[in-house]
Amino acid sequence: MRQTISMLAASALVFATTACGNGGETKEPQVEPTIPSADCNEFTTGTVKLSIVGNPKDSFRIIMKCGDTEVTRCTATVPAGGNADTCTKQGPVPNGGRLSCTVGPGNGNSAAARVVASACG
C-alpha cells in the first residue's frame, strides 16, 4: 500500500511539473477576468480607462456595467503607424446592483497585442 501511494505521489509531481513548464514561454490571456468593484450608487464616477500596445488595428475594449445595465464602454485601437493607444470614457451610474468591468480583445489581434493597464470606477 505504501509503495502504491508513493508511486501516485511521484506521478502527481511529474504531472504537475510537466503541466507547469512550457519552455519558458508565456501566453497572454485573450480575455481578462471581470475587475471586481463596489456597489453602484450616486458616488460612483462611471469612468473606464484602457491602455494597450500592439500592431496597427489591434484593439481591446472595456465595458462597465451596473448589474445588467451598461454604464459606458471604450475601445482602444492601435492606429496606423503606431504601437499603442488609450481610451477613457464616463457615463451616468444608476443606483443599485454591483459595478463590474470586463476587458476583451478585438477580432484578429496580432500576437503583440496586450493590455498594459485598465481601470474601472
PDB file of N, CA and C in Angstrom:
ATOM      1  N   MET A   1       0.820  -1.190   0.000  1.00  0.00           N
ATOM      2  CA  MET A   1       0.000   0.000   0.000  1.00  0.00           C
ATOM      3  C   MET A   1       0.868   1.259   0.000  1.00  0.00           C
ATOM      4  N   ARG A   2       1.918   1.292   0.835  1.00  0.00           N
ATOM      5  CA  ARG A   2       2.796   2.442   0.912  1.00  0.00           C
ATOM      6  C   ARG A   2       3.468   2.702  -0.430  1.00  0.00           C
ATOM      7  N   GLN A   3       3.861   1.621  -1.133  1.00  0.00           N
ATOM      8  CA  GLN A   3       4.516   1.769  -2.429  1.00  0.00           C
ATOM      9  C   GLN A   3       3.542   2.359  -3.444  1.00  0.00           C
ATOM     10  N   THR A   4       2.264   1.948  -3.409  1.00  0.00           N
ATOM     11  CA  THR A   4       1.257   2.483  -4.324  1.00  0.00           C
ATOM     12  C   THR A   4       1.060   3.976  -4.079  1.00  0.00           C
ATOM     13  N   ILE A   5       0.989   4.381  -2.824  1.00  0.00           N
ATOM     14  CA  ILE A   5       0.816   5.805  -2.508  1.00  0.00           C
ATOM     15  C   ILE A   5       2.039   6.597  -2.949  1.00  0.00           C
ATOM     16  N   SER A   6       3.239   6.077  -2.730  1.00  0.00           N
ATOM     17  CA  SER A   6       4.454   6.763  -3.155  1.00  0.00           C
ATOM     18  C   SER A   6       4.495   6.910  -4.663  1.00  0.00           C
ATOM     19  N   MET A   7       4.084   5.879  -5.398  1.00  0.00           N
ATOM     20  CA  MET A   7       4.082   5.957  -6.865  1.00  0.00           C
ATOM     21  C   MET A   7       3.054   6.977  -7.338  1.00  0.00           C
ATOM     22  N   LEU A   8       1.882   7.028  -6.671  1.00  0.00           N
ATOM     23  CA  LEU A   8       0.875   8.023  -7.043  1.00  0.00           C
ATOM     24  C   LEU A   8       1.378   9.431  -6.766  1.00  0.00           C
ATOM     25  N   ALA A   9       2.030   9.627  -5.637  1.00  0.00           N
ATOM     26  CA  ALA A   9       2.576  10.947  -5.314  1.00  0.00           C
ATOM     27  C   ALA A   9       3.649  11.354  -6.320  1.00  0.00           C
ATOM     28  N   ALA A  10       4.527  10.425  -6.692  1.00  0.00           N
ATOM     29  CA  ALA A  10       5.576  10.722  -7.678  1.00  0.00           C
ATOM     30  C   ALA A  10       4.958  11.035  -9.027  1.00  0.00           C
ATOM     31  N   SER A  11       3.928  10.290  -9.426  1.00  0.00           N
ATOM     32  CA  SER A  11       3.253  10.548 -10.701  1.00  0.00           C
ATOM     33  C   SER A  11       2.614  11.934 -10.701  1.00  0.00           C
ATOM     34  N   ALA A  12       1.985  12.307  -9.585  1.00  0.00           N
ATOM     35  CA  ALA A  12       1.359  13.620  -9.499  1.00  0.00           C
ATOM     36  C   ALA A  12       2.398  14.727  -9.596  1.00  0.00           C
ATOM     37  N   LEU A  13       3.562  14.535  -8.961  1.00  0.00           N
ATOM     38  CA  LEU A  13       4.630  15.534  -9.025  1.00  0.00           C
ATOM     39  C   LEU A  13       5.147  15.691 -10.448  1.00  0.00           C
ATOM     40  N   VAL A  14       5.353  14.573 -11.142  1.00  0.00           N
ATOM     41  CA  VAL A  14       5.819  14.640 -12.538  1.00  0.00           C
ATOM     42  C   VAL A  14       4.779  15.330 -13.401  1.00  0.00           C
ATOM     43  N   PHE A  15       3.494  15.000 -13.210  1.00  0.00           N
ATOM     44  CA  PHE A  15       2.428  15.620 -13.993  1.00  0.00           C
ATOM     45  C   PHE A  15       2.372  17.119 -13.728  1.00  0.00           C
ATOM     46  N   ALA A  16       2.437  17.522 -12.458  1.00  0.00           N
ATOM     47  CA  ALA A  16       2.376  18.938 -12.111  1.00  0.00           C
ATOM     48  C   ALA A  16       3.560  19.694 -12.683  1.00  0.00           C
ATOM     49  N   THR A  17       4.740  19.104 -12.621  1.00  0.00           N
ATOM     50  CA  THR A  17       5.936  19.747 -13.161  1.00  0.00           C
ATOM     51  C   THR A  17       5.832  19.887 -14.669  1.00  0.00           C
ATOM     52  N   THR A  18       5.349  18.844 -15.341  1.00  0.00           N
ATOM     53  CA  THR A  18       5.207  18.875 -16.793  1.00  0.00           C
ATOM     54  C   THR A  18       4.150  19.887 -17.210  1.00  0.00           C
ATOM     55  N   ALA A  19       3.028  19.939 -16.482  1.00  0.00           N
ATOM     56  CA  ALA A  19       1.945  20.842 -16.845  1.00  0.00           C
ATOM     57  C   ALA A  19       2.349  22.300 -16.661  1.00  0.00           C
ATOM     58  N   CYS A  20       3.193  22.589 -15.669  1.00  0.00           N
ATOM     59  CA  CYS A  20       3.584  23.976 -15.412  1.00  0.00           C
ATOM     60  C   CYS A  20       4.655  24.459 -16.373  1.00  0.00           C
ATOM     61  N   GLY A  21       5.515  23.598 -16.840  1.00  0.00           N
ATOM     62  CA  GLY A  21       6.605  24.024 -17.719  1.00  0.00           C
ATOM     63  C   GLY A  21       6.169  24.042 -19.166  1.00  0.00           C
ATOM     64  N   ASN A  22       6.421  25.146 -19.858  1.00  0.00           N
ATOM     65  CA  ASN A  22       6.106  25.223 -21.283  1.00  0.00           C
ATOM     66  C   ASN A  22       7.273  25.860 -22.023  1.00  0.00           C
ATOM     67  N   GLY A  23       8.481  25.502 -21.618  1.00  0.00           N
ATOM     68  CA  GLY A  23       9.653  26.012 -22.323  1.00  0.00           C
ATOM     69  C   GLY A  23       9.940  27.477 -22.046  1.00  0.00           C
ATOM     70  N   GLY A  24       9.418  28.033 -20.947  1.00  0.00           N
ATOM     71  CA  GLY A  24       9.694  29.425 -20.618  1.00  0.00           C
ATOM     72  C   GLY A  24       8.830  30.420 -21.365  1.00  0.00           C
ATOM     73  N   GLU A  25       7.925  29.948 -22.204  1.00  0.00           N
ATOM     74  CA  GLU A  25       7.069  30.851 -22.948  1.00  0.00           C
ATOM     75  C   GLU A  25       5.799  31.103 -22.152  1.00  0.00           C
ATOM     76  N   THR A  26       5.322  32.342 -22.184  1.00  0.00           N
ATOM     77  CA  THR A  26       4.041  32.654 -21.569  1.00  0.00           C
ATOM     78  C   THR A  26       3.147  33.250 -22.636  1.00  0.00           C
ATOM     79  N   LYS A  27       1.869  32.966 -22.524  1.00  0.00           N
ATOM     80  CA  LYS A  27       0.909  33.479 -23.492  1.00  0.00           C
ATOM     81  C   LYS A  27      -0.073  34.378 -22.769  1.00  0.00           C
ATOM     82  N   GLU A  28      -0.294  35.564 -23.292  1.00  0.00           N
ATOM     83  CA  GLU A  28      -1.230  36.495 -22.694  1.00  0.00           C
ATOM     84  C   GLU A  28      -2.640  35.953 -22.854  1.00  0.00           C
ATOM     85  N   PRO A  29      -3.484  36.083 -21.821  1.00  0.00           N
ATOM     86  CA  PRO A  29      -4.871  35.656 -21.972  1.00  0.00           C
ATOM     87  C   PRO A  29      -5.586  36.573 -22.958  1.00  0.00           C
ATOM     88  N   GLN A  30      -6.459  35.999 -23.762  1.00  0.00           N
ATOM     89  CA  GLN A  30      -7.191  36.786 -24.734  1.00  0.00           C
ATOM     90  C   GLN A  30      -8.339  37.560 -24.109  1.00  0.00           C
ATOM     91  N   VAL A  31      -8.880  37.066 -23.008  1.00  0.00           N
ATOM     92  CA  VAL A  31      -9.943  37.770 -22.315  1.00  0.00           C
ATOM     93  C   VAL A  31      -9.560  37.851 -20.853  1.00  0.00           C
ATOM     94  N   GLU A  32      -9.541  39.052 -20.317  1.00  0.00           N
ATOM     95  CA  GLU A  32      -9.203  39.228 -18.921  1.00  0.00           C
ATOM     96  C   GLU A  32     -10.448  39.037 -18.073  1.00  0.00           C
ATOM     97  N   PRO A  33     -10.275  38.626 -16.827  1.00  0.00           N
ATOM     98  CA  PRO A  33     -11.427  38.441 -15.950  1.00  0.00           C
ATOM     99  C   PRO A  33     -12.082  39.762 -15.608  1.00  0.00           C
ATOM    100  N   THR A  34     -13.295  39.666 -15.094  1.00  0.00           N
ATOM    101  CA  THR A  34     -14.015  40.850 -14.654  1.00  0.00           C
ATOM    102  C   THR A  34     -13.259  41.508 -13.511  1.00  0.00           C
ATOM    103  N   ILE A  35     -13.156  42.815 -13.558  1.00  0.00           N
ATOM    104  CA  ILE A  35     -12.497  43.570 -12.498  1.00  0.00           C
ATOM    105  C   ILE A  35     -13.520  43.777 -11.377  1.00  0.00           C
ATOM    106  N   PRO A  36     -13.270  43.227 -10.179  1.00  0.00           N
ATOM    107  CA  PRO A  36     -14.250  43.386  -9.108  1.00  0.00           C
ATOM    108  C   PRO A  36     -14.335  44.836  -8.650  1.00  0.00           C
ATOM    109  N   SER A  37     -15.507  45.245  -8.256  1.00  0.00           N
ATOM    110  CA  SER A  37     -15.679  46.619  -7.822  1.00  0.00           C
ATOM    111  C   SER A  37     -16.757  46.679  -6.752  1.00  0.00           C
ATOM    112  N   ALA A  38     -17.312  47.852  -6.514  1.00  0.00           N
ATOM    113  CA  ALA A  38     -18.244  48.095  -5.420  1.00  0.00           C
ATOM    114  C   ALA A  38     -19.686  48.135  -5.913  1.00  0.00           C
ATOM    115  N   ASP A  39     -20.593  48.401  -4.976  1.00  0.00           N
ATOM    116  CA  ASP A  39     -21.997  48.596  -5.325  1.00  0.00           C
ATOM    117  C   ASP A  39     -22.155  49.889  -6.103  1.00  0.00           C
ATOM    118  N   CYS A  40     -23.121  49.930  -6.986  1.00  0.00           N
ATOM    119  CA  CYS A  40     -23.407  51.150  -7.745  1.00  0.00           C
ATOM    120  C   CYS A  40     -24.187  52.119  -6.860  1.00  0.00           C
ATOM    121  N   ASN A  41     -23.786  53.379  -6.883  1.00  0.00           N
ATOM    122  CA  ASN A  41     -24.518  54.425  -6.165  1.00  0.00           C
ATOM    123  C   ASN A  41     -24.159  55.774  -6.762  1.00  0.00           C
ATOM    124  N   GLU A  42     -24.764  56.826  -6.260  1.00  0.00           N
ATOM    125  CA  GLU A  42     -24.554  58.155  -6.837  1.00  0.00           C
ATOM    126  C   GLU A  42     -23.137  58.678  -6.659  1.00  0.00           C
ATOM    127  N   PHE A  43     -22.331  58.018  -5.820  1.00  0.00           N
ATOM    128  CA  PHE A  43     -20.942  58.444  -5.625  1.00  0.00           C
ATOM    129  C   PHE A  43     -19.984  57.761  -6.600  1.00  0.00           C
ATOM    130  N   THR A  44     -20.485  56.806  -7.369  1.00  0.00           N
ATOM    131  CA  THR A  44     -19.654  56.108  -8.345  1.00  0.00           C
ATOM    132  C   THR A  44     -19.456  57.022  -9.553  1.00  0.00           C
ATOM    133  N   THR A  45     -18.224  57.156 -10.023  1.00  0.00           N
ATOM    134  CA  THR A  45     -17.948  58.105 -11.101  1.00  0.00           C
ATOM    135  C   THR A  45     -18.321  57.573 -12.482  1.00  0.00           C
ATOM    136  N   GLY A  46     -18.288  56.265 -12.691  1.00  0.00           N
ATOM    137  CA  GLY A  46     -18.630  55.720 -14.004  1.00  0.00           C
ATOM    138  C   GLY A  46     -17.567  55.979 -15.046  1.00  0.00           C
ATOM    139  N   THR A  47     -16.297  55.811 -14.696  1.00  0.00           N
ATOM    140  CA  THR A  47     -15.192  56.050 -15.619  1.00  0.00           C
ATOM    141  C   THR A  47     -14.437  54.756 -15.900  1.00  0.00           C
ATOM    142  N   VAL A  48     -14.135  54.518 -17.181  1.00  0.00           N
ATOM    143  CA  VAL A  48     -13.285  53.392 -17.575  1.00  0.00           C
ATOM    144  C   VAL A  48     -12.085  53.927 -18.320  1.00  0.00           C
ATOM    145  N   LYS A  49     -10.943  53.273 -18.128  1.00  0.00           N
ATOM    146  CA  LYS A  49      -9.708  53.651 -18.826  1.00  0.00           C
ATOM    147  C   LYS A  49      -9.043  52.366 -19.307  1.00  0.00           C
ATOM    148  N   LEU A  50      -8.395  52.459 -20.464  1.00  0.00           N
ATOM    149  CA  LEU A  50      -7.737  51.305 -21.058  1.00  0.00           C
ATOM    150  C   LEU A  50      -6.511  51.760 -21.829  1.00  0.00           C
ATOM    151  N   SER A  51      -5.391  51.078 -21.630  1.00  0.00           N
ATOM    152  CA  SER A  51      -4.153  51.350 -22.375  1.00  0.00           C
ATOM    153  C   SER A  51      -3.677  50.029 -22.963  1.00  0.00           C
ATOM    154  N   ILE A  52      -3.355  50.042 -24.261  1.00  0.00           N
ATOM    155  CA  ILE A  52      -2.923  48.822 -24.945  1.00  0.00           C
ATOM    156  C   ILE A  52      -1.662  49.083 -25.765  1.00  0.00           C
ATOM    157  N   VAL A  53      -0.984  48.010 -26.128  1.00  0.00           N
ATOM    158  CA  VAL A  53       0.118  48.061 -27.091  1.00  0.00           C
ATOM    159  C   VAL A  53      -0.104  46.950 -28.105  1.00  0.00           C
ATOM    160  N   GLY A  54       0.543  47.078 -29.250  1.00  0.00           N
ATOM    161  CA  GLY A  54       0.423  46.060 -30.294  1.00  0.00           C
ATOM    162  C   GLY A  54       0.761  46.634 -31.648  1.00  0.00           C
ATOM    163  N   ASN A  55       0.245  45.987 -32.666  1.00  0.00           N
ATOM    164  CA  ASN A  55       0.432  46.410 -34.049  1.00  0.00           C
ATOM    165  C   ASN A  55      -0.782  47.198 -34.517  1.00  0.00           C
ATOM    166  N   PRO A  56      -0.651  47.969 -35.614  1.00  0.00           N
ATOM    167  CA  PRO A  56      -1.803  48.709 -36.128  1.00  0.00           C
ATOM    168  C   PRO A  56      -3.030  47.811 -36.304  1.00  0.00           C
ATOM    169  N   LYS A  57      -4.180  48.338 -35.925  1.00  0.00           N
ATOM    170  CA  LYS A  57      -5.501  47.700 -35.970  1.00  0.00           C
ATOM    171  C   LYS A  57      -5.773  46.742 -34.811  1.00  0.00           C
ATOM    172  N   ASP A  58      -4.784  46.447 -33.950  1.00  0.00           N
ATOM    173  CA  ASP A  58      -5.055  45.656 -32.746  1.00  0.00           C
ATOM    174  C   ASP A  58      -5.960  46.485 -31.840  1.00  0.00           C
ATOM    175  N   SER A  59      -6.906  45.831 -31.163  1.00  0.00           N
ATOM    176  CA  SER A  59      -7.813  46.579 -30.300  1.00  0.00           C
ATOM    177  C   SER A  59      -8.284  45.740 -29.115  1.00  0.00           C
ATOM    178  N   PHE A  60      -8.650  46.440 -28.057  1.00  0.00           N
ATOM    179  CA  PHE A  60      -9.297  45.863 -26.885  1.00  0.00           C
ATOM    180  C   PHE A  60     -10.390  46.819 -26.476  1.00  0.00           C
ATOM    181  N   ARG A  61     -11.412  46.303 -25.792  1.00  0.00           N
ATOM    182  CA  ARG A  61     -12.479  47.150 -25.302  1.00  0.00           C
ATOM    183  C   ARG A  61     -12.709  46.850 -23.824  1.00  0.00           C
ATOM    184  N   ILE A  62     -13.230  47.856 -23.121  1.00  0.00           N
ATOM    185  CA  ILE A  62     -13.612  47.701 -21.721  1.00  0.00           C
ATOM    186  C   ILE A  62     -15.063  48.158 -21.601  1.00  0.00           C
ATOM    187  N   ILE A  63     -15.875  47.372 -20.886  1.00  0.00           N
ATOM    188  CA  ILE A  63     -17.295  47.677 -20.707  1.00  0.00           C
ATOM    189  C   ILE A  63     -17.595  47.724 -19.214  1.00  0.00           C
ATOM    190  N   MET A  64     -18.166  48.837 -18.752  1.00  0.00           N
ATOM    191  CA  MET A  64     -18.597  48.971 -17.367  1.00  0.00           C
ATOM    192  C   MET A  64     -20.096  48.733 -17.302  1.00  0.00           C
ATOM    193  N   LYS A  65     -20.502  47.888 -16.343  1.00  0.00           N
ATOM    194  CA  LYS A  65     -21.921  47.620 -16.127  1.00  0.00           C
ATOM    195  C   LYS A  65     -22.262  47.816 -14.659  1.00  0.00           C
ATOM    196  N   CYS A  66     -23.485  48.186 -14.425  1.00  0.00           N
ATOM    197  CA  CYS A  66     -24.053  48.222 -13.087  1.00  0.00           C
ATOM    198  C   CYS A  66     -25.177  47.203 -13.108  1.00  0.00           C
ATOM    199  N   GLY A  67     -24.927  46.038 -12.518  1.00  0.00           N
ATOM    200  CA  GLY A  67     -25.860  44.935 -12.675  1.00  0.00           C
ATOM    201  C   GLY A  67     -25.870  44.534 -14.141  1.00  0.00           C
ATOM    202  N   ASP A  68     -27.055  44.555 -14.779  1.00  0.00           N
ATOM    203  CA  ASP A  68     -27.167  44.223 -16.202  1.00  0.00           C
ATOM    204  C   ASP A  68     -27.180  45.459 -17.095  1.00  0.00           C
ATOM    205  N   THR A  69     -27.127  46.647 -16.506  1.00  0.00           N
ATOM    206  CA  THR A  69     -27.201  47.891 -17.271  1.00  0.00           C
ATOM    207  C   THR A  69     -25.811  48.368 -17.650  1.00  0.00           C
ATOM    208  N   GLU A  70     -25.592  48.586 -18.955  1.00  0.00           N
ATOM    209  CA  GLU A  70     -24.301  49.112 -19.395  1.00  0.00           C
ATOM    210  C   GLU A  70     -24.216  50.589 -19.052  1.00  0.00           C
ATOM    211  N   VAL A  71     -23.100  50.965 -18.391  1.00  0.00           N
ATOM    212  CA  VAL A  71     -22.868  52.350 -17.998  1.00  0.00           C
ATOM    213  C   VAL A  71     -22.068  53.063 -19.077  1.00  0.00           C
ATOM    214  N   THR A  72     -20.944  52.482 -19.483  1.00  0.00           N
ATOM    215  CA  THR A  72     -20.105  53.072 -20.519  1.00  0.00           C
ATOM    216  C   THR A  72     -19.141  52.022 -21.057  1.00  0.00           C
ATOM    217  N   ARG A  73     -18.561  52.298 -22.206  1.00  0.00           N
ATOM    218  CA  ARG A  73     -17.552  51.422 -22.794  1.00  0.00           C
ATOM    219  C   ARG A  73     -16.612  52.259 -23.638  1.00  0.00           C
ATOM    220  N   CYS A  74     -15.405  51.754 -23.818  1.00  0.00           N
ATOM    221  CA  CYS A  74     -14.498  52.391 -24.762  1.00  0.00           C
ATOM    222  C   CYS A  74     -13.620  51.323 -25.394  1.00  0.00           C
ATOM    223  N   THR A  75     -13.163  51.637 -26.585  1.00  0.00           N
ATOM    224  CA  THR A  75     -12.308  50.730 -27.345  1.00  0.00           C
ATOM    225  C   THR A  75     -11.029  51.456 -27.704  1.00  0.00           C
ATOM    226  N   ALA A  76      -9.899  50.834 -27.383  1.00  0.00           N
ATOM    227  CA  ALA A  76      -8.592  51.360 -27.775  1.00  0.00           C
ATOM    228  C   ALA A  76      -8.140  50.566 -28.987  1.00  0.00           C
ATOM    229  N   THR A  77      -7.769  51.259 -30.057  1.00  0.00           N
ATOM    230  CA  THR A  77      -7.325  50.626 -31.296  1.00  0.00           C
ATOM    231  C   THR A  77      -6.006  51.263 -31.721  1.00  0.00           C
ATOM    232  N   VAL A  78      -4.993  50.430 -31.938  1.00  0.00           N
ATOM    233  CA  VAL A  78      -3.680  50.946 -32.346  1.00  0.00           C
ATOM    234  C   VAL A  78      -3.815  51.546 -33.753  1.00  0.00           C
ATOM    235  N   PRO A  79      -3.446  52.828 -33.921  1.00  0.00           N
ATOM    236  CA  PRO A  79      -3.583  53.471 -35.229  1.00  0.00           C
ATOM    237  C   PRO A  79      -2.474  53.044 -36.201  1.00  0.00           C
ATOM    238  N   ALA A  80      -2.706  53.290 -37.477  1.00  0.00           N
ATOM    239  CA  ALA A  80      -1.694  53.007 -38.496  1.00  0.00           C
ATOM    240  C   ALA A  80      -0.414  53.753 -38.151  1.00  0.00           C
ATOM    241  N   GLY A  81       0.711  53.074 -38.218  1.00  0.00           N
ATOM    242  CA  GLY A  81       1.993  53.676 -37.905  1.00  0.00           C
ATOM    243  C   GLY A  81       2.292  53.769 -36.418  1.00  0.00           C
ATOM    244  N   GLY A  82       1.384  53.303 -35.574  1.00  0.00           N
ATOM    245  CA  GLY A  82       1.578  53.389 -34.131  1.00  0.00           C
ATOM    246  C   GLY A  82       1.798  52.023 -33.502  1.00  0.00           C
ATOM    247  N   ASN A  83       2.008  52.033 -32.196  1.00  0.00           N
ATOM    248  CA  ASN A  83       2.160  50.765 -31.476  1.00  0.00           C
ATOM    249  C   ASN A  83       1.428  50.781 -30.132  1.00  0.00           C
ATOM    250  N   ALA A  84       0.617  51.824 -29.861  1.00  0.00           N
ATOM    251  CA  ALA A  84      -0.109  51.910 -28.601  1.00  0.00           C
ATOM    252  C   ALA A  84      -1.337  52.799 -28.766  1.00  0.00           C
ATOM    253  N   ASP A  85      -2.296  52.645 -27.837  1.00  0.00           N
ATOM    254  CA  ASP A  85      -3.467  53.522 -27.815  1.00  0.00           C
ATOM    255  C   ASP A  85      -4.072  53.475 -26.417  1.00  0.00           C
ATOM    256  N   THR A  86      -4.833  54.518 -26.085  1.00  0.00           N
ATOM    257  CA  THR A  86      -5.547  54.579 -24.814  1.00  0.00           C
ATOM    258  C   THR A  86      -6.951  55.102 -25.072  1.00  0.00           C
ATOM    259  N   CYS A  87      -7.847  54.825 -24.137  1.00  0.00           N
ATOM    260  CA  CYS A  87      -9.178  55.418 -24.208  1.00  0.00           C
ATOM    261  C   CYS A  87      -9.684  55.628 -22.791  1.00  0.00           C
ATOM    262  N   THR A  88     -10.541  56.624 -22.635  1.00  0.00           N
ATOM    263  CA  THR A  88     -11.191  56.936 -21.365  1.00  0.00           C
ATOM    264  C   THR A  88     -12.605  57.385 -21.679  1.00  0.00           C
ATOM    265  N   LYS A  89     -13.581  56.853 -20.954  1.00  0.00           N
ATOM    266  CA  LYS A  89     -14.980  57.264 -21.137  1.00  0.00           C
ATOM    267  C   LYS A  89     -15.656  57.330 -19.784  1.00  0.00           C
ATOM    268  N   GLN A  90     -16.705  58.159 -19.706  1.00  0.00           N
ATOM    269  CA  GLN A  90     -17.515  58.274 -18.499  1.00  0.00           C
ATOM    270  C   GLN A  90     -18.983  58.105 -18.852  1.00  0.00           C
ATOM    271  N   GLY A  91     -19.758  57.679 -17.865  1.00  0.00           N
ATOM    272  CA  GLY A  91     -21.187  57.533 -18.065  1.00  0.00           C
ATOM    273  C   GLY A  91     -21.922  57.631 -16.744  1.00  0.00           C
ATOM    274  N   PRO A  92     -23.225  57.955 -16.788  1.00  0.00           N
ATOM    275  CA  PRO A  92     -24.015  58.055 -15.559  1.00  0.00           C
ATOM    276  C   PRO A  92     -24.250  56.668 -14.957  1.00  0.00           C
ATOM    277  N   VAL A  93     -24.106  56.554 -13.642  1.00  0.00           N
ATOM    278  CA  VAL A  93     -24.258  55.271 -12.965  1.00  0.00           C
ATOM    279  C   VAL A  93     -25.596  55.226 -12.235  1.00  0.00           C
ATOM    280  N   PRO A  94     -26.420  54.230 -12.517  1.00  0.00           N
ATOM    281  CA  PRO A  94     -27.690  54.097 -11.790  1.00  0.00           C
ATOM    282  C   PRO A  94     -27.439  53.534 -10.388  1.00  0.00           C
ATOM    283  N   ASN A  95     -28.357  53.786  -9.474  1.00  0.00           N
ATOM    284  CA  ASN A  95     -28.268  53.201  -8.136  1.00  0.00           C
ATOM    285  C   ASN A  95     -28.679  51.736  -8.187  1.00  0.00           C
ATOM    286  N   GLY A  96     -28.070  50.940  -7.332  1.00  0.00           N
ATOM    287  CA  GLY A  96     -28.457  49.535  -7.210  1.00  0.00           C
ATOM    288  C   GLY A  96     -27.647  48.629  -8.109  1.00  0.00           C
ATOM    289  N   GLY A  97     -27.318  47.451  -7.610  1.00  0.00           N
ATOM    290  CA  GLY A  97     -26.565  46.458  -8.382  1.00  0.00           C
ATOM    291  C   GLY A  97     -25.078  46.560  -8.117  1.00  0.00           C
ATOM    292  N   ARG A  98     -24.343  45.591  -8.614  1.00  0.00           N
ATOM    293  CA  ARG A  98     -22.890  45.555  -8.476  1.00  0.00           C
ATOM    294  C   ARG A  98     -22.252  46.150  -9.718  1.00  0.00           C
ATOM    295  N   LEU A  99     -21.233  46.957  -9.495  1.00  0.00           N
ATOM    296  CA  LEU A  99     -20.467  47.554 -10.574  1.00  0.00           C
ATOM    297  C   LEU A  99     -19.426  46.550 -11.037  1.00  0.00           C
ATOM    298  N   SER A 100     -19.300  46.340 -12.350  1.00  0.00           N
ATOM    299  CA  SER A 100     -18.298  45.419 -12.880  1.00  0.00           C
ATOM    300  C   SER A 100     -17.759  45.940 -14.202  1.00  0.00           C
ATOM    301  N   CYS A 101     -16.548  45.540 -14.534  1.00  0.00           N
ATOM    302  CA  CYS A 101     -15.939  45.888 -15.814  1.00  0.00           C
ATOM    303  C   CYS A 101     -15.302  44.644 -16.405  1.00  0.00           C
ATOM    304  N   THR A 102     -15.472  44.464 -17.701  1.00  0.00           N
ATOM    305  CA  THR A 102     -14.811  43.368 -18.397  1.00  0.00           C
ATOM    306  C   THR A 102     -13.976  43.946 -19.525  1.00  0.00           C
ATOM    307  N   VAL A 103     -12.850  43.309 -19.781  1.00  0.00           N
ATOM    308  CA  VAL A 103     -11.948  43.708 -20.852  1.00  0.00           C
ATOM    309  C   VAL A 103     -11.860  42.550 -21.820  1.00  0.00           C
ATOM    310  N   GLY A 104     -11.949  42.841 -23.106  1.00  0.00           N
ATOM    311  CA  GLY A 104     -11.855  41.791 -24.109  1.00  0.00           C
ATOM    312  C   GLY A 104     -11.151  42.280 -25.356  1.00  0.00           C
ATOM    313  N   PRO A 105     -10.600  41.342 -26.137  1.00  0.00           N
ATOM    314  CA  PRO A 105      -9.863  41.710 -27.349  1.00  0.00           C
ATOM    315  C   PRO A 105     -10.778  41.942 -28.536  1.00  0.00           C
ATOM    316  N   GLY A 106     -10.262  42.684 -29.511  1.00  0.00           N
ATOM    317  CA  GLY A 106     -10.934  42.812 -30.788  1.00  0.00           C
ATOM    318  C   GLY A 106     -10.693  41.548 -31.609  1.00  0.00           C
ATOM    319  N   ASN A 107     -11.318  41.453 -32.758  1.00  0.00           N
ATOM    320  CA  ASN A 107     -11.120  40.288 -33.630  1.00  0.00           C
ATOM    321  C   ASN A 107      -9.838  40.416 -34.428  1.00  0.00           C
ATOM    322  N   GLY A 108      -9.097  39.330 -34.522  1.00  0.00           N
ATOM    323  CA  GLY A 108      -7.900  39.301 -35.364  1.00  0.00           C
ATOM    324  C   GLY A 108      -6.710  40.052 -34.821  1.00  0.00           C
ATOM    325  N   ASN A 109      -6.586  40.163 -33.505  1.00  0.00           N
ATOM    326  CA  ASN A 109      -5.423  40.833 -32.938  1.00  0.00           C
ATOM    327  C   ASN A 109      -4.149  40.047 -33.250  1.00  0.00           C
ATOM    328  N   SER A 110      -3.032  40.771 -33.357  1.00  0.00           N
ATOM    329  CA  SER A 110      -1.733  40.131 -33.560  1.00  0.00           C
ATOM    330  C   SER A 110      -1.235  39.546 -32.242  1.00  0.00           C
ATOM    331  N   ALA A 111      -0.162  38.778 -32.315  1.00  0.00           N
ATOM    332  CA  ALA A 111       0.426  38.189 -31.113  1.00  0.00           C
ATOM    333  C   ALA A 111       1.021  39.262 -30.196  1.00  0.00           C
ATOM    334  N   ALA A 112       1.309  40.451 -30.734  1.00  0.00           N
ATOM    335  CA  ALA A 112       1.891  41.538 -29.952  1.00  0.00           C
ATOM    336  C   ALA A 112       0.843  42.299 -29.130  1.00  0.00           C
ATOM    337  N   ALA A 113      -0.424  42.086 -29.394  1.00  0.00           N
ATOM    338  CA  ALA A 113      -1.478  42.842 -28.725  1.00  0.00           C
ATOM    339  C   ALA A 113      -1.620  42.435 -27.269  1.00  0.00           C
ATOM    340  N   ARG A 114      -1.628  43.449 -26.381  1.00  0.00           N
ATOM    341  CA  ARG A 114      -1.852  43.170 -24.971  1.00  0.00           C
ATOM    342  C   ARG A 114      -2.335  44.434 -24.262  1.00  0.00           C
ATOM    343  N   VAL A 115      -3.018  44.230 -23.147  1.00  0.00           N
ATOM    344  CA  VAL A 115      -3.493  45.327 -22.320  1.00  0.00           C
ATOM    345  C   VAL A 115      -2.363  45.701 -21.355  1.00  0.00           C
ATOM    346  N   VAL A 116      -2.019  46.983 -21.308  1.00  0.00           N
ATOM    347  CA  VAL A 116      -0.992  47.471 -20.412  1.00  0.00           C
ATOM    348  C   VAL A 116      -1.620  47.850 -19.070  1.00  0.00           C
ATOM    349  N   ALA A 117      -2.775  48.518 -19.116  1.00  0.00           N
ATOM    350  CA  ALA A 117      -3.466  48.939 -17.888  1.00  0.00           C
ATOM    351  C   ALA A 117      -4.944  49.095 -18.159  1.00  0.00           C
ATOM    352  N   SER A 118      -5.763  48.808 -17.144  1.00  0.00           N
ATOM    353  CA  SER A 118      -7.196  49.050 -17.241  1.00  0.00           C
ATOM    354  C   SER A 118      -7.688  49.510 -15.876  1.00  0.00           C
ATOM    355  N   ALA A 119      -8.709  50.363 -15.877  1.00  0.00           N
ATOM    356  CA  ALA A 119      -9.264  50.880 -14.634  1.00  0.00           C
ATOM    357  C   ALA A 119     -10.766  51.027 -14.762  1.00  0.00           C
ATOM    358  N   CYS A 120     -11.458  50.851 -13.643  1.00  0.00           N
ATOM    359  CA  CYS A 120     -12.910  50.903 -13.623  1.00  0.00           C
ATOM    360  C   CYS A 120     -13.329  51.527 -12.307  1.00  0.00           C
ATOM    361  N   GLY A 121     -14.130  52.584 -12.372  1.00  0.00           N
ATOM    362  CA  GLY A 121     -14.608  53.154 -11.111  1.00  0.00           C
ATOM    363  C   GLY A 121     -15.168  54.528 -11.261  1.00  0.00           C
TER     364      GLY A 121
END
